[in-house]
Amino acid sequence: MKHRVVIALGSNYLPVAHIEWASGLLASLIENCQFSRRLWTQDIKGSGVWYQNRIAYGFTDIPVNQLQTQLKEIEIESGRTKERITIDLDLMLYDHQRFHEKDWQRPYFTVLFDELPQIAE
């Protein structure tokens, strides 16, 4: 069974390279994977650090828990630390189940998600 998924990507360390690298990996995990445009935003904590953000969406037959594990493994592989977010991958939507509810209200996510009307709920 195919499941509709939406994944948020973010990076604050060599963000162009890391977003591109993670996008390639996600394209191999997600069928018919498509991507939003990239959007630069300042850290929501007010540190002044800039992030590049993007949304990936498509379909998968990977069970939700396994998909979340694979996303975390990609983060580890990228060398992510608490201070250096080489890549952050958050599963936002799996069929009709939403995750990271507070992030759905963040401007970068709402702007990018709203630009993708074909996946709107």
PDB file of N, CA and C in Angstrom:
ATOM      1  N   MET A   1       0.845  -1.191   0.000  1.00  0.00           N
ATOM      2  CA  MET A   1       0.000   0.000   0.000  1.00  0.00           C
ATOM      3  C   MET A   1       0.883   1.244   0.000  1.00  0.00           C
ATOM      4  N   LYS A   2       0.545   2.167  -0.854  1.00  0.00           N
ATOM      5  CA  LYS A   2       1.306   3.414  -0.957  1.00  0.00           C
ATOM      6  C   LYS A   2       0.750   4.441   0.013  1.00  0.00           C
ATOM      7  N   HIS A   3       1.675   5.137   0.688  1.00  0.00           N
ATOM      8  CA  HIS A   3       1.316   6.160   1.661  1.00  0.00           C
ATOM      9  C   HIS A   3       1.856   7.510   1.197  1.00  0.00           C
ATOM     10  N   ARG A   4       1.041   8.519   1.296  1.00  0.00           N
ATOM     11  CA  ARG A   4       1.452   9.884   0.947  1.00  0.00           C
ATOM     12  C   ARG A   4       2.290  10.437   2.088  1.00  0.00           C
ATOM     13  N   VAL A   5       3.437  11.019   1.769  1.00  0.00           N
ATOM     14  CA  VAL A   5       4.316  11.562   2.787  1.00  0.00           C
ATOM     15  C   VAL A   5       4.770  12.973   2.426  1.00  0.00           C
ATOM     16  N   VAL A   6       5.005  13.751   3.469  1.00  0.00           N
ATOM     17  CA  VAL A   6       5.592  15.076   3.353  1.00  0.00           C
ATOM     18  C   VAL A   6       6.721  15.137   4.372  1.00  0.00           C
ATOM     19  N   ILE A   7       7.900  15.535   3.915  1.00  0.00           N
ATOM     20  CA  ILE A   7       9.080  15.607   4.773  1.00  0.00           C
ATOM     21  C   ILE A   7       9.659  17.010   4.670  1.00  0.00           C
ATOM     22  N   ALA A   8       9.924  17.617   5.829  1.00  0.00           N
ATOM     23  CA  ALA A   8      10.565  18.931   5.873  1.00  0.00           C
ATOM     24  C   ALA A   8      12.072  18.745   5.987  1.00  0.00           C
ATOM     25  N   LEU A   9      12.811  19.502   5.191  1.00  0.00           N
ATOM     26  CA  LEU A   9      14.267  19.489   5.226  1.00  0.00           C
ATOM     27  C   LEU A   9      14.744  20.847   5.698  1.00  0.00           C
ATOM     28  N   GLY A  10      15.793  20.853   6.494  1.00  0.00           N
ATOM     29  CA  GLY A  10      16.405  22.102   6.927  1.00  0.00           C
ATOM     30  C   GLY A  10      17.885  21.892   7.182  1.00  0.00           C
ATOM     31  N   SER A  11      18.678  22.956   6.996  1.00  0.00           N
ATOM     32  CA  SER A  11      20.112  22.879   7.234  1.00  0.00           C
ATOM     33  C   SER A  11      20.645  24.264   7.555  1.00  0.00           C
ATOM     34  N   ASN A  12      21.601  24.321   8.532  1.00  0.00           N
ATOM     35  CA  ASN A  12      22.268  25.586   8.834  1.00  0.00           C
ATOM     36  C   ASN A  12      23.781  25.495   8.669  1.00  0.00           C
ATOM     37  N   TYR A  13      24.270  24.366   8.173  1.00  0.00           N
ATOM     38  CA  TYR A  13      25.704  24.188   7.977  1.00  0.00           C
ATOM     39  C   TYR A  13      25.938  23.700   6.555  1.00  0.00           C
ATOM     40  N   LEU A  14      26.634  24.494   5.772  1.00  0.00           N
ATOM     41  CA  LEU A  14      26.789  24.213   4.343  1.00  0.00           C
ATOM     42  C   LEU A  14      25.430  23.802   3.769  1.00  0.00           C
ATOM     43  N   PRO A  15      24.435  24.659   3.965  1.00  0.00           N
ATOM     44  CA  PRO A  15      23.053  24.265   3.677  1.00  0.00           C
ATOM     45  C   PRO A  15      22.767  23.906   2.230  1.00  0.00           C
ATOM     46  N   VAL A  16      23.352  24.597   1.288  1.00  0.00           N
ATOM     47  CA  VAL A  16      23.069  24.280  -0.117  1.00  0.00           C
ATOM     48  C   VAL A  16      23.514  22.851  -0.421  1.00  0.00           C
ATOM     49  N   ALA A  17      24.721  22.510  -0.006  1.00  0.00           N
ATOM     50  CA  ALA A  17      25.251  21.171  -0.266  1.00  0.00           C
ATOM     51  C   ALA A  17      24.466  20.103   0.491  1.00  0.00           C
ATOM     52  N   HIS A  18      24.136  20.362   1.742  1.00  0.00           N
ATOM     53  CA  HIS A  18      23.443  19.345   2.532  1.00  0.00           C
ATOM     54  C   HIS A  18      21.985  19.145   2.094  1.00  0.00           C
ATOM     55  N   ILE A  19      21.317  20.210   1.714  1.00  0.00           N
ATOM     56  CA  ILE A  19      19.942  20.060   1.209  1.00  0.00           C
ATOM     57  C   ILE A  19      19.963  19.267  -0.098  1.00  0.00           C
ATOM     58  N   GLU A  20      20.936  19.554  -0.944  1.00  0.00           N
ATOM     59  CA  GLU A  20      21.042  18.824  -2.217  1.00  0.00           C
ATOM     60  C   GLU A  20      21.336  17.341  -1.967  1.00  0.00           C
ATOM     61  N   TRP A  21      22.269  17.054  -1.063  1.00  0.00           N
ATOM     62  CA  TRP A  21      22.634  15.673  -0.727  1.00  0.00           C
ATOM     63  C   TRP A  21      21.427  14.922  -0.173  1.00  0.00           C
ATOM     64  N   ALA A  22      20.738  15.511   0.795  1.00  0.00           N
ATOM     65  CA  ALA A  22      19.577  14.851   1.396  1.00  0.00           C
ATOM     66  C   ALA A  22      18.447  14.694   0.381  1.00  0.00           C
ATOM     67  N   SER A  23      18.279  15.657  -0.494  1.00  0.00           N
ATOM     68  CA  SER A  23      17.235  15.561  -1.526  1.00  0.00           C
ATOM     69  C   SER A  23      17.484  14.348  -2.411  1.00  0.00           C
ATOM     70  N   GLY A  24      18.741  14.098  -2.748  1.00  0.00           N
ATOM     71  CA  GLY A  24      19.063  12.924  -3.555  1.00  0.00           C
ATOM     72  C   GLY A  24      18.727  11.628  -2.838  1.00  0.00           C
ATOM     73  N   LEU A  25      19.009  11.559  -1.553  1.00  0.00           N
ATOM     74  CA  LEU A  25      18.676  10.359  -0.779  1.00  0.00           C
ATOM     75  C   LEU A  25      17.168  10.175  -0.669  1.00  0.00           C
ATOM     76  N   LEU A  26      16.454  11.262  -0.432  1.00  0.00           N
ATOM     77  CA  LEU A  26      14.997  11.162  -0.319  1.00  0.00           C
ATOM     78  C   LEU A  26      14.375  10.735  -1.646  1.00  0.00           C
ATOM     79  N   ALA A  27      14.935  11.191  -2.742  1.00  0.00           N
ATOM     80  CA  ALA A  27      14.409  10.805  -4.055  1.00  0.00           C
ATOM     81  C   ALA A  27      14.521   9.304  -4.275  1.00  0.00           C
ATOM     82  N   SER A  28      15.490   8.669  -3.601  1.00  0.00           N
ATOM     83  CA  SER A  28      15.615   7.219  -3.728  1.00  0.00           C
ATOM     84  C   SER A  28      14.710   6.467  -2.758  1.00  0.00           C
ATOM     85  N   LEU A  29      14.228   7.134  -1.721  1.00  0.00           N
ATOM     86  CA  LEU A  29      13.327   6.514  -0.738  1.00  0.00           C
ATOM     87  C   LEU A  29      11.849   6.697  -1.076  1.00  0.00           C
ATOM     88  N   ILE A  30      11.536   7.822  -1.702  1.00  0.00           N
ATOM     89  CA  ILE A  30      10.150   8.241  -1.919  1.00  0.00           C
ATOM     90  C   ILE A  30       9.816   8.141  -3.405  1.00  0.00           C
ATOM     91  N   GLU A  31       8.737   7.427  -3.725  1.00  0.00           N
ATOM     92  CA  GLU A  31       8.306   7.308  -5.117  1.00  0.00           C
ATOM     93  C   GLU A  31       7.679   8.612  -5.586  1.00  0.00           C
ATOM     94  N   ASN A  32       7.930   8.941  -6.836  1.00  0.00           N
ATOM     95  CA  ASN A  32       7.419  10.181  -7.421  1.00  0.00           C
ATOM     96  C   ASN A  32       7.778  11.380  -6.559  1.00  0.00           C
ATOM     97  N   CYS A  33       8.971  11.334  -5.975  1.00  0.00           N
ATOM     98  CA  CYS A  33       9.398  12.397  -5.060  1.00  0.00           C
ATOM     99  C   CYS A  33       9.533  13.716  -5.809  1.00  0.00           C
ATOM    100  N   GLN A  34       8.918  14.726  -5.244  1.00  0.00           N
ATOM    101  CA  GLN A  34       9.017  16.076  -5.777  1.00  0.00           C
ATOM    102  C   GLN A  34       9.421  16.993  -4.639  1.00  0.00           C
ATOM    103  N   PHE A  35       9.936  18.153  -4.999  1.00  0.00           N
ATOM    104  CA  PHE A  35      10.459  19.077  -4.000  1.00  0.00           C
ATOM    105  C   PHE A  35       9.890  20.471  -4.199  1.00  0.00           C
ATOM    106  N   SER A  36       9.729  21.146  -3.083  1.00  0.00           N
ATOM    107  CA  SER A  36       9.367  22.556  -3.125  1.00  0.00           C
ATOM    108  C   SER A  36      10.601  23.354  -3.525  1.00  0.00           C
ATOM    109  N   ARG A  37      10.408  24.620  -3.699  1.00  0.00           N
ATOM    110  CA  ARG A  37      11.565  25.503  -3.873  1.00  0.00           C
ATOM    111  C   ARG A  37      12.313  25.555  -2.538  1.00  0.00           C
ATOM    112  N   ARG A  38      13.486  26.119  -2.557  1.00  0.00           N
ATOM    113  CA  ARG A  38      14.270  26.305  -1.329  1.00  0.00           C
ATOM    114  C   ARG A  38      13.954  27.678  -0.754  1.00  0.00           C
ATOM    115  N   LEU A  39      13.965  27.765   0.555  1.00  0.00           N
ATOM    116  CA  LEU A  39      13.617  29.022   1.217  1.00  0.00           C
ATOM    117  C   LEU A  39      14.606  29.271   2.348  1.00  0.00           C
ATOM    118  N   TRP A  40      15.206  30.470   2.358  1.00  0.00           N
ATOM    119  CA  TRP A  40      16.120  30.864   3.428  1.00  0.00           C
ATOM    120  C   TRP A  40      15.325  31.488   4.560  1.00  0.00           C
ATOM    121  N   THR A  41      15.619  31.077   5.792  1.00  0.00           N
ATOM    122  CA  THR A  41      14.950  31.645   6.965  1.00  0.00           C
ATOM    123  C   THR A  41      15.964  31.795   8.091  1.00  0.00           C
ATOM    124  N   GLN A  42      15.678  32.729   8.995  1.00  0.00           N
ATOM    125  CA  GLN A  42      16.506  32.868  10.177  1.00  0.00           C
ATOM    126  C   GLN A  42      16.062  31.855  11.223  1.00  0.00           C
ATOM    127  N   ASP A  43      16.994  31.474  12.082  1.00  0.00           N
ATOM    128  CA  ASP A  43      16.725  30.554  13.174  1.00  0.00           C
ATOM    129  C   ASP A  43      15.529  31.057  13.992  1.00  0.00           C
ATOM    130  N   ILE A  44      14.587  30.166  14.283  1.00  0.00           N
ATOM    131  CA  ILE A  44      13.392  30.556  15.036  1.00  0.00           C
ATOM    132  C   ILE A  44      13.716  30.926  16.479  1.00  0.00           C
ATOM    133  N   LYS A  45      14.913  30.552  16.950  1.00  0.00           N
ATOM    134  CA  LYS A  45      15.323  30.877  18.324  1.00  0.00           C
ATOM    135  C   LYS A  45      15.981  32.251  18.406  1.00  0.00           C
ATOM    136  N   GLY A  46      16.127  32.918  17.282  1.00  0.00           N
ATOM    137  CA  GLY A  46      16.675  34.261  17.280  1.00  0.00           C
ATOM    138  C   GLY A  46      18.189  34.341  17.343  1.00  0.00           C
ATOM    139  N   SER A  47      18.880  33.273  17.007  1.00  0.00           N
ATOM    140  CA  SER A  47      20.350  33.267  17.080  1.00  0.00           C
ATOM    141  C   SER A  47      20.993  34.050  15.936  1.00  0.00           C
ATOM    142  N   GLY A  48      20.241  34.335  14.890  1.00  0.00           N
ATOM    143  CA  GLY A  48      20.793  35.007  13.724  1.00  0.00           C
ATOM    144  C   GLY A  48      21.341  34.042  12.684  1.00  0.00           C
ATOM    145  N   VAL A  49      21.357  32.762  13.001  1.00  0.00           N
ATOM    146  CA  VAL A  49      21.830  31.748  12.056  1.00  0.00           C
ATOM    147  C   VAL A  49      20.767  31.558  10.973  1.00  0.00           C
ATOM    148  N   TRP A  50      21.225  31.423   9.732  1.00  0.00           N
ATOM    149  CA  TRP A  50      20.313  31.215   8.610  1.00  0.00           C
ATOM    150  C   TRP A  50      20.210  29.738   8.272  1.00  0.00           C
ATOM    151  N   TYR A  51      19.009  29.332   7.914  1.00  0.00           N
ATOM    152  CA  TYR A  51      18.711  27.961   7.488  1.00  0.00           C
ATOM    153  C   TYR A  51      18.198  27.987   6.062  1.00  0.00           C
ATOM    154  N   GLN A  52      18.467  26.914   5.364  1.00  0.00           N
ATOM    155  CA  GLN A  52      17.789  26.700   4.098  1.00  0.00           C
ATOM    156  C   GLN A  52      16.769  25.594   4.339  1.00  0.00           C
ATOM    157  N   ASN A  53      15.565  25.787   3.833  1.00  0.00           N
ATOM    158  CA  ASN A  53      14.463  24.847   4.043  1.00  0.00           C
ATOM    159  C   ASN A  53      13.880  24.417   2.707  1.00  0.00           C
ATOM    160  N   ARG A  54      13.266  23.253   2.746  1.00  0.00           N
ATOM    161  CA  ARG A  54      12.634  22.681   1.561  1.00  0.00           C
ATOM    162  C   ARG A  54      11.648  21.619   2.032  1.00  0.00           C
ATOM    163  N   ILE A  55      10.693  21.279   1.184  1.00  0.00           N
ATOM    164  CA  ILE A  55       9.754  20.195   1.474  1.00  0.00           C
ATOM    165  C   ILE A  55       9.871  19.151   0.365  1.00  0.00           C
ATOM    166  N   ALA A  56       9.893  17.888   0.784  1.00  0.00           N
ATOM    167  CA  ALA A  56       9.831  16.768  -0.155  1.00  0.00           C
ATOM    168  C   ALA A  56       8.482  16.095   0.027  1.00  0.00           C
ATOM    169  N   TYR A  57       7.915  15.607  -1.059  1.00  0.00           N
ATOM    170  CA  TYR A  57       6.637  14.910  -0.955  1.00  0.00           C
ATOM    171  C   TYR A  57       6.529  13.851  -2.044  1.00  0.00           C
ATOM    172  N   GLY A  58       5.754  12.837  -1.729  1.00  0.00           N
ATOM    173  CA  GLY A  58       5.563  11.744  -2.666  1.00  0.00           C
ATOM    174  C   GLY A  58       4.891  10.586  -1.964  1.00  0.00           C
ATOM    175  N   PHE A  59       5.251   9.373  -2.371  1.00  0.00           N
ATOM    176  CA  PHE A  59       4.581   8.175  -1.853  1.00  0.00           C
ATOM    177  C   PHE A  59       5.607   7.114  -1.479  1.00  0.00           C
ATOM    178  N   THR A  60       5.248   6.276  -0.506  1.00  0.00           N
ATOM    179  CA  THR A  60       6.129   5.197  -0.084  1.00  0.00           C
ATOM    180  C   THR A  60       5.310   4.033   0.443  1.00  0.00           C
ATOM    181  N   ASP A  61       5.917   2.859   0.401  1.00  0.00           N
ATOM    182  CA  ASP A  61       5.301   1.702   1.049  1.00  0.00           C
ATOM    183  C   ASP A  61       6.050   1.357   2.331  1.00  0.00           C
ATOM    184  N   ILE A  62       6.996   2.212   2.722  1.00  0.00           N
ATOM    185  CA  ILE A  62       7.763   2.016   3.961  1.00  0.00           C
ATOM    186  C   ILE A  62       6.851   2.334   5.148  1.00  0.00           C
ATOM    187  N   PRO A  63       6.779   1.443   6.145  1.00  0.00           N
ATOM    188  CA  PRO A  63       5.981   1.728   7.345  1.00  0.00           C
ATOM    189  C   PRO A  63       6.489   2.993   8.048  1.00  0.00           C
ATOM    190  N   VAL A  64       5.586   3.698   8.700  1.00  0.00           N
ATOM    191  CA  VAL A  64       5.895   4.999   9.293  1.00  0.00           C
ATOM    192  C   VAL A  64       7.080   4.939  10.251  1.00  0.00           C
ATOM    193  N   ASN A  65       7.130   3.974  11.142  1.00  0.00           N
ATOM    194  CA  ASN A  65       8.239   3.905  12.105  1.00  0.00           C
ATOM    195  C   ASN A  65       9.570   3.658  11.416  1.00  0.00           C
ATOM    196  N   GLN A  66       9.557   2.819  10.408  1.00  0.00           N
ATOM    197  CA  GLN A  66      10.778   2.542   9.662  1.00  0.00           C
ATOM    198  C   GLN A  66      11.238   3.778   8.892  1.00  0.00           C
ATOM    199  N   LEU A  67      10.301   4.519   8.326  1.00  0.00           N
ATOM    200  CA  LEU A  67      10.645   5.737   7.599  1.00  0.00           C
ATOM    201  C   LEU A  67      11.275   6.758   8.543  1.00  0.00           C
ATOM    202  N   GLN A  68      10.689   6.926   9.721  1.00  0.00           N
ATOM    203  CA  GLN A  68      11.252   7.867  10.688  1.00  0.00           C
ATOM    204  C   GLN A  68      12.662   7.446  11.100  1.00  0.00           C
ATOM    205  N   THR A  69      12.880   6.163  11.271  1.00  0.00           N
ATOM    206  CA  THR A  69      14.214   5.658  11.608  1.00  0.00           C
ATOM    207  C   THR A  69      15.200   5.960  10.486  1.00  0.00           C
ATOM    208  N   GLN A  70      14.785   5.754   9.252  1.00  0.00           N
ATOM    209  CA  GLN A  70      15.669   6.032   8.112  1.00  0.00           C
ATOM    210  C   GLN A  70      16.010   7.521   8.022  1.00  0.00           C
ATOM    211  N   LEU A  71      15.055   8.380   8.317  1.00  0.00           N
ATOM    212  CA  LEU A  71      15.325   9.819   8.295  1.00  0.00           C
ATOM    213  C   LEU A  71      16.363  10.181   9.349  1.00  0.00           C
ATOM    214  N   LYS A  72      16.243   9.615  10.545  1.00  0.00           N
ATOM    215  CA  LYS A  72      17.212   9.892  11.615  1.00  0.00           C
ATOM    216  C   LYS A  72      18.590   9.342  11.259  1.00  0.00           C
ATOM    217  N   GLU A  73      18.640   8.204  10.578  1.00  0.00           N
ATOM    218  CA  GLU A  73      19.922   7.642  10.149  1.00  0.00           C
ATOM    219  C   GLU A  73      20.609   8.550   9.134  1.00  0.00           C
ATOM    220  N   ILE A  74      19.838   9.170   8.266  1.00  0.00           N
ATOM    221  CA  ILE A  74      20.399  10.126   7.308  1.00  0.00           C
ATOM    222  C   ILE A  74      20.976  11.326   8.053  1.00  0.00           C
ATOM    223  N   GLU A  75      20.264  11.821   9.066  1.00  0.00           N
ATOM    224  CA  GLU A  75      20.770  12.938   9.865  1.00  0.00           C
ATOM    225  C   GLU A  75      22.114  12.579  10.505  1.00  0.00           C
ATOM    226  N   ILE A  76      22.200  11.381  11.083  1.00  0.00           N
ATOM    227  CA  ILE A  76      23.447  10.932  11.715  1.00  0.00           C
ATOM    228  C   ILE A  76      24.560  10.822  10.681  1.00  0.00           C
ATOM    229  N   GLU A  77      24.241  10.244   9.535  1.00  0.00           N
ATOM    230  CA  GLU A  77      25.230  10.082   8.467  1.00  0.00           C
ATOM    231  C   GLU A  77      25.779  11.427   8.003  1.00  0.00           C
ATOM    232  N   SER A  78      24.953  12.471   8.071  1.00  0.00           N
ATOM    233  CA  SER A  78      25.384  13.795   7.620  1.00  0.00           C
ATOM    234  C   SER A  78      26.342  14.467   8.599  1.00  0.00           C
ATOM    235  N   GLY A  79      26.483  13.910   9.804  1.00  0.00           N
ATOM    236  CA  GLY A  79      27.360  14.514  10.803  1.00  0.00           C
ATOM    237  C   GLY A  79      26.673  15.547  11.670  1.00  0.00           C
ATOM    238  N   ARG A  80      25.380  15.484  11.733  1.00  0.00           N
ATOM    239  CA  ARG A  80      24.611  16.454  12.509  1.00  0.00           C
ATOM    240  C   ARG A  80      25.008  16.431  13.983  1.00  0.00           C
ATOM    241  N   THR A  81      25.104  17.629  14.547  1.00  0.00           N
ATOM    242  CA  THR A  81      25.300  17.792  15.983  1.00  0.00           C
ATOM    243  C   THR A  81      24.224  18.741  16.487  1.00  0.00           C
ATOM    244  N   LYS A  82      24.227  18.970  17.792  1.00  0.00           N
ATOM    245  CA  LYS A  82      23.221  19.872  18.366  1.00  0.00           C
ATOM    246  C   LYS A  82      23.369  21.298  17.825  1.00  0.00           C
ATOM    247  N   GLU A  83      24.597  21.735  17.643  1.00  0.00           N
ATOM    248  CA  GLU A  83      24.866  23.103  17.175  1.00  0.00           C
ATOM    249  C   GLU A  83      24.912  23.215  15.656  1.00  0.00           C
ATOM    250  N   ARG A  84      25.369  22.168  15.020  1.00  0.00           N
ATOM    251  CA  ARG A  84      25.570  22.196  13.567  1.00  0.00           C
ATOM    252  C   ARG A  84      24.537  21.285  12.923  1.00  0.00           C
ATOM    253  N   ILE A  85      23.488  21.903  12.399  1.00  0.00           N
ATOM    254  CA  ILE A  85      22.403  21.142  11.773  1.00  0.00           C
ATOM    255  C   ILE A  85      22.761  20.947  10.304  1.00  0.00           C
ATOM    256  N   THR A  86      23.541  19.890  10.053  1.00  0.00           N
ATOM    257  CA  THR A  86      23.910  19.594   8.675  1.00  0.00           C
ATOM    258  C   THR A  86      22.665  19.262   7.878  1.00  0.00           C
ATOM    259  N   ILE A  87      21.783  18.471   8.490  1.00  0.00           N
ATOM    260  CA  ILE A  87      20.478  18.207   7.875  1.00  0.00           C
ATOM    261  C   ILE A  87      19.487  17.846   8.972  1.00  0.00           C
ATOM    262  N   ASP A  88      18.295  18.382   8.855  1.00  0.00           N
ATOM    263  CA  ASP A  88      17.180  18.044   9.735  1.00  0.00           C
ATOM    264  C   ASP A  88      16.071  17.540   8.817  1.00  0.00           C
ATOM    265  N   LEU A  89      15.610  16.327   9.076  1.00  0.00           N
ATOM    266  CA  LEU A  89      14.552  15.722   8.262  1.00  0.00           C
ATOM    267  C   LEU A  89      13.404  15.351   9.180  1.00  0.00           C
ATOM    268  N   ASP A  90      12.294  16.022   9.023  1.00  0.00           N
ATOM    269  CA  ASP A  90      11.120  15.759   9.848  1.00  0.00           C
ATOM    270  C   ASP A  90       9.972  15.244   8.996  1.00  0.00           C
ATOM    271  N   LEU A  91       9.498  14.065   9.343  1.00  0.00           N
ATOM    272  CA  LEU A  91       8.291  13.539   8.707  1.00  0.00           C
ATOM    273  C   LEU A  91       7.126  14.373   9.209  1.00  0.00           C
ATOM    274  N   MET A  92       6.476  15.075   8.304  1.00  0.00           N
ATOM    275  CA  MET A  92       5.387  15.982   8.678  1.00  0.00           C
ATOM    276  C   MET A  92       4.014  15.354   8.461  1.00  0.00           C
ATOM    277  N   LEU A  93       3.909  14.518   7.417  1.00  0.00           N
ATOM    278  CA  LEU A  93       2.622  13.932   7.068  1.00  0.00           C
ATOM    279  C   LEU A  93       2.843  12.520   6.553  1.00  0.00           C
ATOM    280  N   TYR A  94       2.028  11.604   7.058  1.00  0.00           N
ATOM    281  CA  TYR A  94       2.033  10.219   6.589  1.00  0.00           C
ATOM    282  C   TYR A  94       0.568   9.856   6.409  1.00  0.00           C
ATOM    283  N   ASP A  95       0.136   9.789   5.174  1.00  0.00           N
ATOM    284  CA  ASP A  95      -1.288   9.694   4.842  1.00  0.00           C
ATOM    285  C   ASP A  95      -1.996  10.890   5.464  1.00  0.00           C
ATOM    286  N   HIS A  96      -2.866  10.674   6.454  1.00  0.00           N
ATOM    287  CA  HIS A  96      -3.568  11.796   7.090  1.00  0.00           C
ATOM    288  C   HIS A  96      -3.055  12.085   8.490  1.00  0.00           C
ATOM    289  N   GLN A  97      -1.987  11.406   8.891  1.00  0.00           N
ATOM    290  CA  GLN A  97      -1.434  11.613  10.231  1.00  0.00           C
ATOM    291  C   GLN A  97      -0.362  12.695  10.182  1.00  0.00           C
ATOM    292  N   ARG A  98      -0.580  13.747  10.960  1.00  0.00           N
ATOM    293  CA  ARG A  98       0.368  14.856  11.024  1.00  0.00           C
ATOM    294  C   ARG A  98       1.323  14.665  12.191  1.00  0.00           C
ATOM    295  N   PHE A  99       2.573  15.087  11.985  1.00  0.00           N
ATOM    296  CA  PHE A  99       3.612  15.051  13.003  1.00  0.00           C
ATOM    297  C   PHE A  99       4.172  16.460  13.183  1.00  0.00           C
ATOM    298  N   HIS A 100       4.883  16.688  14.263  1.00  0.00           N
ATOM    299  CA  HIS A 100       5.525  17.984  14.529  1.00  0.00           C
ATOM    300  C   HIS A 100       4.512  19.117  14.383  1.00  0.00           C
ATOM    301  N   GLU A 101       3.462  18.994  15.111  1.00  0.00           N
ATOM    302  CA  GLU A 101       2.320  19.901  14.975  1.00  0.00           C
ATOM    303  C   GLU A 101       2.721  21.380  15.064  1.00  0.00           C
ATOM    304  N   LYS A 102       3.645  21.725  15.955  1.00  0.00           N
ATOM    305  CA  LYS A 102       4.036  23.146  16.082  1.00  0.00           C
ATOM    306  C   LYS A 102       4.720  23.659  14.816  1.00  0.00           C
ATOM    307  N   ASP A 103       5.394  22.761  14.092  1.00  0.00           N
ATOM    308  CA  ASP A 103       6.078  23.184  12.871  1.00  0.00           C
ATOM    309  C   ASP A 103       5.116  23.498  11.729  1.00  0.00           C
ATOM    310  N   TRP A 104       3.905  22.970  11.796  1.00  0.00           N
ATOM    311  CA  TRP A 104       2.906  23.287  10.764  1.00  0.00           C
ATOM    312  C   TRP A 104       2.551  24.768  10.778  1.00  0.00           C
ATOM    313  N   GLN A 105       2.808  25.454  11.891  1.00  0.00           N
ATOM    314  CA  GLN A 105       2.488  26.880  12.009  1.00  0.00           C
ATOM    315  C   GLN A 105       3.666  27.782  11.666  1.00  0.00           C
ATOM    316  N   ARG A 106       4.835  27.202  11.491  1.00  0.00           N
ATOM    317  CA  ARG A 106       6.020  28.014  11.211  1.00  0.00           C
ATOM    318  C   ARG A 106       5.930  28.587   9.792  1.00  0.00           C
ATOM    319  N   PRO A 107       6.265  29.865   9.642  1.00  0.00           N
ATOM    320  CA  PRO A 107       6.111  30.519   8.330  1.00  0.00           C
ATOM    321  C   PRO A 107       6.787  29.793   7.180  1.00  0.00           C
ATOM    322  N   TYR A 108       8.006  29.293   7.382  1.00  0.00           N
ATOM    323  CA  TYR A 108       8.684  28.629   6.259  1.00  0.00           C
ATOM    324  C   TYR A 108       7.900  27.419   5.787  1.00  0.00           C
ATOM    325  N   PHE A 109       7.310  26.677   6.726  1.00  0.00           N
ATOM    326  CA  PHE A 109       6.585  25.474   6.330  1.00  0.00           C
ATOM    327  C   PHE A 109       5.248  25.825   5.683  1.00  0.00           C
ATOM    328  N   THR A 110       4.519  26.754   6.272  1.00  0.00           N
ATOM    329  CA  THR A 110       3.211  27.088   5.701  1.00  0.00           C
ATOM    330  C   THR A 110       3.349  27.671   4.300  1.00  0.00           C
ATOM    331  N   VAL A 111       4.364  28.501   4.095  1.00  0.00           N
ATOM    332  CA  VAL A 111       4.573  29.092   2.762  1.00  0.00           C
ATOM    333  C   VAL A 111       4.862  27.996   1.741  1.00  0.00           C
ATOM    334  N   LEU A 112       5.814  27.128   2.061  1.00  0.00           N
ATOM    335  CA  LEU A 112       6.188  26.081   1.105  1.00  0.00           C
ATOM    336  C   LEU A 112       5.062  25.070   0.901  1.00  0.00           C
ATOM    337  N   PHE A 113       4.396  24.680   1.970  1.00  0.00           N
ATOM    338  CA  PHE A 113       3.309  23.709   1.855  1.00  0.00           C
ATOM    339  C   PHE A 113       2.151  24.281   1.048  1.00  0.00           C
ATOM    340  N   ASP A 114       1.822  25.541   1.288  1.00  0.00           N
ATOM    341  CA  ASP A 114       0.712  26.166   0.560  1.00  0.00           C
ATOM    342  C   ASP A 114       0.995  26.318  -0.926  1.00  0.00           C
ATOM    343  N   GLU A 115       2.259  26.295  -1.307  1.00  0.00           N
ATOM    344  CA  GLU A 115       2.611  26.374  -2.727  1.00  0.00           C
ATOM    345  C   GLU A 115       2.451  25.033  -3.433  1.00  0.00           C
ATOM    346  N   LEU A 116       2.094  23.994  -2.675  1.00  0.00           N
ATOM    347  CA  LEU A 116       1.953  22.665  -3.231  1.00  0.00           C
ATOM    348  C   LEU A 116       0.480  22.220  -3.141  1.00  0.00           C
ATOM    349  N   PRO A 117      -0.416  22.846  -3.899  1.00  0.00           N
ATOM    350  CA  PRO A 117      -1.838  22.558  -3.743  1.00  0.00           C
ATOM    351  C   PRO A 117      -2.221  21.124  -4.041  1.00  0.00           C
ATOM    352  N   GLN A 118      -1.437  20.435  -4.849  1.00  0.00           N
ATOM    353  CA  GLN A 118      -1.776  19.047  -5.199  1.00  0.00           C
ATOM    354  C   GLN A 118      -1.658  18.108  -4.016  1.00  0.00           C
ATOM    355  N   ILE A 119      -0.988  18.507  -2.920  1.00  0.00           N
ATOM    356  CA  ILE A 119      -0.889  17.628  -1.767  1.00  0.00           C
ATOM    357  C   ILE A 119      -1.646  18.162  -0.561  1.00  0.00           C
ATOM    358  N   ALA A 120      -2.275  19.320  -0.710  1.00  0.00           N
ATOM    359  CA  ALA A 120      -3.001  19.898   0.413  1.00  0.00           C
ATOM    360  C   ALA A 120      -4.084  18.946   0.874  1.00  0.00           C
ATOM    361  N   GLU A 121      -4.298  18.956   2.182  1.00  0.00           N
ATOM    362  CA  GLU A 121      -5.315  18.051   2.753  1.00  0.00           C
ATOM    363  C   GLU A 121      -6.708  18.577   2.478  1.00  0.00           C
TER     364      GLU A 121
END
